[in-house]
Amino acid sequence: MMKTMAQPLRNRRGQFLIETVLMMMITIGLFVFGMGKLRDEKFLSKLISGPWEKVAVMIETGTWETRAAGVTKHPNTLSRGISLDPRQ
């Protein structure tokens, strides 16, 4: 006598293993793709260098203004009328 209905699988461990491997492959593929995009667009470099420019200007000039405006306000760029050197 031939059975007309398919018998259910009793061992599903193999299916779980295959699904787990496929999910791992998809996750690794997305991770590699994402890291490639971040590297190509230099995301980390932009994230660090943008704010660092403002901090560097503050360190150099003592003001939060642009470099050109900050340099003119820094005390080292002001001309002094008094000098310790008598020849000047």
N, C-alpha and C. Protein backbone atom coordinates (compact mmCIF):
# COMPACT_ATOMS: atom_id res chain seq x y z
N MET A 1 0.83 -1.17 0.00
CA MET A 1 0.00 0.00 0.00
C MET A 1 0.88 1.24 0.00
N MET A 2 0.61 2.17 -0.85
CA MET A 2 1.41 3.38 -0.99
C MET A 2 0.79 4.51 -0.18
N LYS A 3 1.66 5.20 0.55
CA LYS A 3 1.16 6.32 1.34
C LYS A 3 1.06 7.55 0.45
N THR A 4 -0.01 8.25 0.57
CA THR A 4 -0.21 9.44 -0.27
C THR A 4 0.33 10.69 0.39
N MET A 5 0.41 10.72 1.69
CA MET A 5 0.91 11.91 2.38
C MET A 5 2.37 11.71 2.74
N ALA A 6 3.13 12.80 2.68
CA ALA A 6 4.54 12.73 3.04
C ALA A 6 4.67 12.61 4.55
N GLN A 7 5.61 11.80 4.96
CA GLN A 7 5.80 11.64 6.40
C GLN A 7 6.61 12.82 6.94
N PRO A 8 6.25 13.30 8.12
CA PRO A 8 7.00 14.41 8.71
C PRO A 8 8.41 13.94 9.11
N LEU A 9 9.34 14.86 9.01
CA LEU A 9 10.71 14.52 9.41
C LEU A 9 10.79 14.41 10.92
N ARG A 10 11.48 13.39 11.37
CA ARG A 10 11.63 13.21 12.81
C ARG A 10 12.89 13.91 13.34
N ASN A 11 13.84 14.13 12.47
CA ASN A 11 15.11 14.73 12.90
C ASN A 11 15.24 16.10 12.24
N ARG A 12 15.09 17.13 13.03
CA ARG A 12 15.15 18.49 12.50
C ARG A 12 16.47 19.19 12.87
N ARG A 13 17.41 18.46 13.43
CA ARG A 13 18.68 19.07 13.79
C ARG A 13 19.44 19.57 12.58
N GLY A 14 19.36 18.88 11.50
CA GLY A 14 20.04 19.30 10.28
C GLY A 14 19.48 20.60 9.73
N GLN A 15 18.18 20.78 9.80
CA GLN A 15 17.56 22.01 9.33
C GLN A 15 18.00 23.18 10.20
N PHE A 16 18.03 22.97 11.51
CA PHE A 16 18.48 24.03 12.42
C PHE A 16 19.91 24.45 12.10
N LEU A 17 20.77 23.49 11.83
CA LEU A 17 22.17 23.77 11.51
C LEU A 17 22.28 24.57 10.20
N ILE A 18 21.54 24.18 9.20
CA ILE A 18 21.58 24.88 7.92
C ILE A 18 21.06 26.31 8.06
N GLU A 19 19.96 26.48 8.81
CA GLU A 19 19.42 27.83 9.01
C GLU A 19 20.39 28.69 9.80
N THR A 20 21.06 28.12 10.78
CA THR A 20 22.03 28.88 11.58
C THR A 20 23.21 29.31 10.71
N VAL A 21 23.71 28.43 9.87
CA VAL A 21 24.83 28.76 8.98
C VAL A 21 24.40 29.85 7.99
N LEU A 22 23.20 29.76 7.45
CA LEU A 22 22.72 30.79 6.53
C LEU A 22 22.60 32.15 7.22
N MET A 23 22.07 32.17 8.43
CA MET A 23 21.95 33.42 9.17
C MET A 23 23.33 34.01 9.48
N MET A 24 24.29 33.14 9.81
CA MET A 24 25.65 33.62 10.07
C MET A 24 26.26 34.22 8.80
N MET A 25 26.03 33.58 7.67
CA MET A 25 26.57 34.08 6.41
C MET A 25 25.96 35.44 6.06
N ILE A 26 24.67 35.58 6.26
CA ILE A 26 24.01 36.87 5.99
C ILE A 26 24.56 37.94 6.92
N THR A 27 24.71 37.62 8.21
CA THR A 27 25.23 38.59 9.17
C THR A 27 26.66 39.00 8.83
N ILE A 28 27.50 38.04 8.51
CA ILE A 28 28.89 38.35 8.15
C ILE A 28 28.94 39.16 6.87
N GLY A 29 28.11 38.82 5.90
CA GLY A 29 28.06 39.58 4.66
C GLY A 29 27.66 41.02 4.88
N LEU A 30 26.63 41.25 5.71
CA LEU A 30 26.21 42.62 6.02
C LEU A 30 27.30 43.38 6.77
N PHE A 31 27.98 42.69 7.68
CA PHE A 31 29.06 43.33 8.44
C PHE A 31 30.20 43.75 7.51
N VAL A 32 30.60 42.86 6.63
CA VAL A 32 31.69 43.18 5.69
C VAL A 32 31.28 44.32 4.76
N PHE A 33 30.06 44.28 4.27
CA PHE A 33 29.57 45.35 3.40
C PHE A 33 29.55 46.68 4.14
N GLY A 34 29.04 46.69 5.37
CA GLY A 34 28.98 47.91 6.16
C GLY A 34 30.37 48.47 6.47
N MET A 35 31.29 47.59 6.82
CA MET A 35 32.65 48.06 7.12
C MET A 35 33.32 48.62 5.87
N GLY A 36 33.06 48.02 4.73
CA GLY A 36 33.62 48.53 3.47
C GLY A 36 33.09 49.92 3.16
N LYS A 37 31.79 50.11 3.35
CA LYS A 37 31.19 51.43 3.10
C LYS A 37 31.76 52.47 4.07
N LEU A 38 31.89 52.12 5.34
CA LEU A 38 32.44 53.06 6.32
C LEU A 38 33.89 53.41 5.98
N ARG A 39 34.65 52.43 5.52
CA ARG A 39 36.05 52.67 5.17
C ARG A 39 36.15 53.54 3.92
N ASP A 40 35.31 53.28 2.92
CA ASP A 40 35.35 54.05 1.68
C ASP A 40 34.93 55.50 1.89
N GLU A 41 33.96 55.72 2.74
CA GLU A 41 33.48 57.08 2.98
C GLU A 41 34.26 57.78 4.08
N LYS A 42 35.22 57.09 4.68
CA LYS A 42 36.06 57.64 5.74
C LYS A 42 35.22 58.26 6.86
N PHE A 43 34.26 57.49 7.33
CA PHE A 43 33.32 57.95 8.34
C PHE A 43 34.02 58.31 9.63
N LEU A 44 34.90 57.46 10.11
CA LEU A 44 35.60 57.71 11.37
C LEU A 44 36.51 58.92 11.25
N SER A 45 37.16 59.09 10.13
CA SER A 45 38.03 60.24 9.92
C SER A 45 37.25 61.54 9.98
N LYS A 46 36.09 61.57 9.35
CA LYS A 46 35.24 62.77 9.39
C LYS A 46 34.71 63.01 10.79
N LEU A 47 34.41 61.94 11.50
CA LEU A 47 33.87 62.07 12.85
C LEU A 47 34.89 62.70 13.79
N ILE A 48 36.16 62.40 13.59
CA ILE A 48 37.20 62.92 14.48
C ILE A 48 37.74 64.26 14.01
N SER A 49 37.99 64.40 12.71
CA SER A 49 38.65 65.61 12.22
C SER A 49 37.76 66.84 12.25
N GLY A 50 36.46 66.67 12.11
CA GLY A 50 35.55 67.83 12.13
C GLY A 50 35.62 68.58 13.45
N PRO A 51 35.32 67.94 14.56
CA PRO A 51 35.40 68.64 15.85
C PRO A 51 36.84 69.00 16.24
N TRP A 52 37.82 68.23 15.78
CA TRP A 52 39.19 68.51 16.16
C TRP A 52 39.67 69.84 15.60
N GLU A 53 39.18 70.23 14.43
CA GLU A 53 39.57 71.53 13.86
C GLU A 53 39.20 72.66 14.80
N LYS A 54 38.01 72.62 15.37
CA LYS A 54 37.58 73.67 16.30
C LYS A 54 38.42 73.67 17.57
N VAL A 55 38.73 72.48 18.07
CA VAL A 55 39.55 72.38 19.27
C VAL A 55 40.97 72.86 18.99
N ALA A 56 41.50 72.53 17.82
CA ALA A 56 42.86 72.96 17.47
C ALA A 56 42.95 74.48 17.39
N VAL A 57 41.93 75.12 16.82
CA VAL A 57 41.92 76.58 16.75
C VAL A 57 41.86 77.17 18.15
N MET A 58 41.07 76.57 19.04
CA MET A 58 40.99 77.05 20.42
C MET A 58 42.33 76.91 21.12
N ILE A 59 43.03 75.82 20.88
CA ILE A 59 44.34 75.62 21.51
C ILE A 59 45.34 76.65 20.99
N GLU A 60 45.32 76.91 19.69
CA GLU A 60 46.29 77.82 19.10
C GLU A 60 46.01 79.29 19.39
N THR A 61 44.73 79.68 19.35
CA THR A 61 44.41 81.11 19.42
C THR A 61 43.71 81.52 20.71
N GLY A 62 43.13 80.61 21.43
CA GLY A 62 42.44 80.96 22.67
C GLY A 62 41.01 81.44 22.46
N THR A 63 40.48 81.34 21.24
CA THR A 63 39.10 81.72 20.98
C THR A 63 38.43 80.61 20.19
N TRP A 64 37.10 80.60 20.23
CA TRP A 64 36.34 79.60 19.50
C TRP A 64 36.01 80.08 18.10
N GLU A 65 36.58 81.19 17.66
CA GLU A 65 36.29 81.71 16.33
C GLU A 65 37.10 80.96 15.28
N THR A 66 36.98 81.39 14.04
CA THR A 66 37.74 80.77 12.96
C THR A 66 39.22 81.07 13.16
N ARG A 67 40.06 80.33 12.45
CA ARG A 67 41.49 80.51 12.60
C ARG A 67 41.93 81.94 12.23
N ALA A 68 41.40 82.47 11.13
CA ALA A 68 41.79 83.81 10.69
C ALA A 68 41.38 84.87 11.70
N ALA A 69 40.18 84.77 12.25
CA ALA A 69 39.72 85.76 13.23
C ALA A 69 40.41 85.56 14.57
N GLY A 70 40.68 84.33 14.93
CA GLY A 70 41.31 84.05 16.22
C GLY A 70 42.76 84.48 16.27
N VAL A 71 43.48 84.38 15.18
CA VAL A 71 44.89 84.76 15.14
C VAL A 71 45.04 86.26 15.40
N THR A 72 44.14 87.05 14.90
CA THR A 72 44.25 88.50 15.10
C THR A 72 43.97 88.90 16.53
N LYS A 73 43.26 88.09 17.29
CA LYS A 73 42.93 88.42 18.67
C LYS A 73 43.89 87.81 19.69
N HIS A 74 44.78 86.96 19.24
CA HIS A 74 45.71 86.32 20.17
C HIS A 74 46.74 87.33 20.64
N PRO A 75 47.07 87.33 21.93
CA PRO A 75 48.02 88.32 22.47
C PRO A 75 49.40 88.28 21.81
N ASN A 76 49.85 87.17 21.32
CA ASN A 76 51.16 87.09 20.70
C ASN A 76 51.23 87.84 19.37
N THR A 77 50.09 88.12 18.77
CA THR A 77 50.11 88.83 17.49
C THR A 77 49.96 90.34 17.66
N LEU A 78 49.71 90.81 18.86
CA LEU A 78 49.55 92.25 19.08
C LEU A 78 50.92 92.92 19.11
N SER A 79 50.99 94.11 18.56
CA SER A 79 52.25 94.85 18.64
C SER A 79 52.29 95.57 19.99
N ARG A 80 53.43 95.53 20.62
CA ARG A 80 53.57 96.12 21.95
C ARG A 80 54.38 97.41 21.83
N GLY A 81 53.97 98.37 22.62
CA GLY A 81 54.68 99.65 22.61
C GLY A 81 55.87 99.66 23.55
N ILE A 82 55.89 98.76 24.51
CA ILE A 82 56.97 98.72 25.49
C ILE A 82 57.79 97.46 25.24
N SER A 83 59.12 97.60 25.36
CA SER A 83 59.98 96.47 25.17
C SER A 83 61.05 96.46 26.23
N LEU A 84 61.51 95.29 26.59
CA LEU A 84 62.58 95.18 27.55
C LEU A 84 63.94 95.42 26.91
N ASP A 85 64.00 95.35 25.63
CA ASP A 85 65.25 95.60 24.91
C ASP A 85 65.34 97.10 24.63
N PRO A 86 66.36 97.81 25.17
CA PRO A 86 66.43 99.26 25.02
C PRO A 86 66.74 99.70 23.57
N ARG A 87 67.22 98.80 22.74
CA ARG A 87 67.54 99.17 21.36
C ARG A 87 66.29 99.26 20.50
N GLN A 88 65.17 98.84 20.99
CA GLN A 88 63.96 98.87 20.14
C GLN A 88 63.14 100.09 20.43
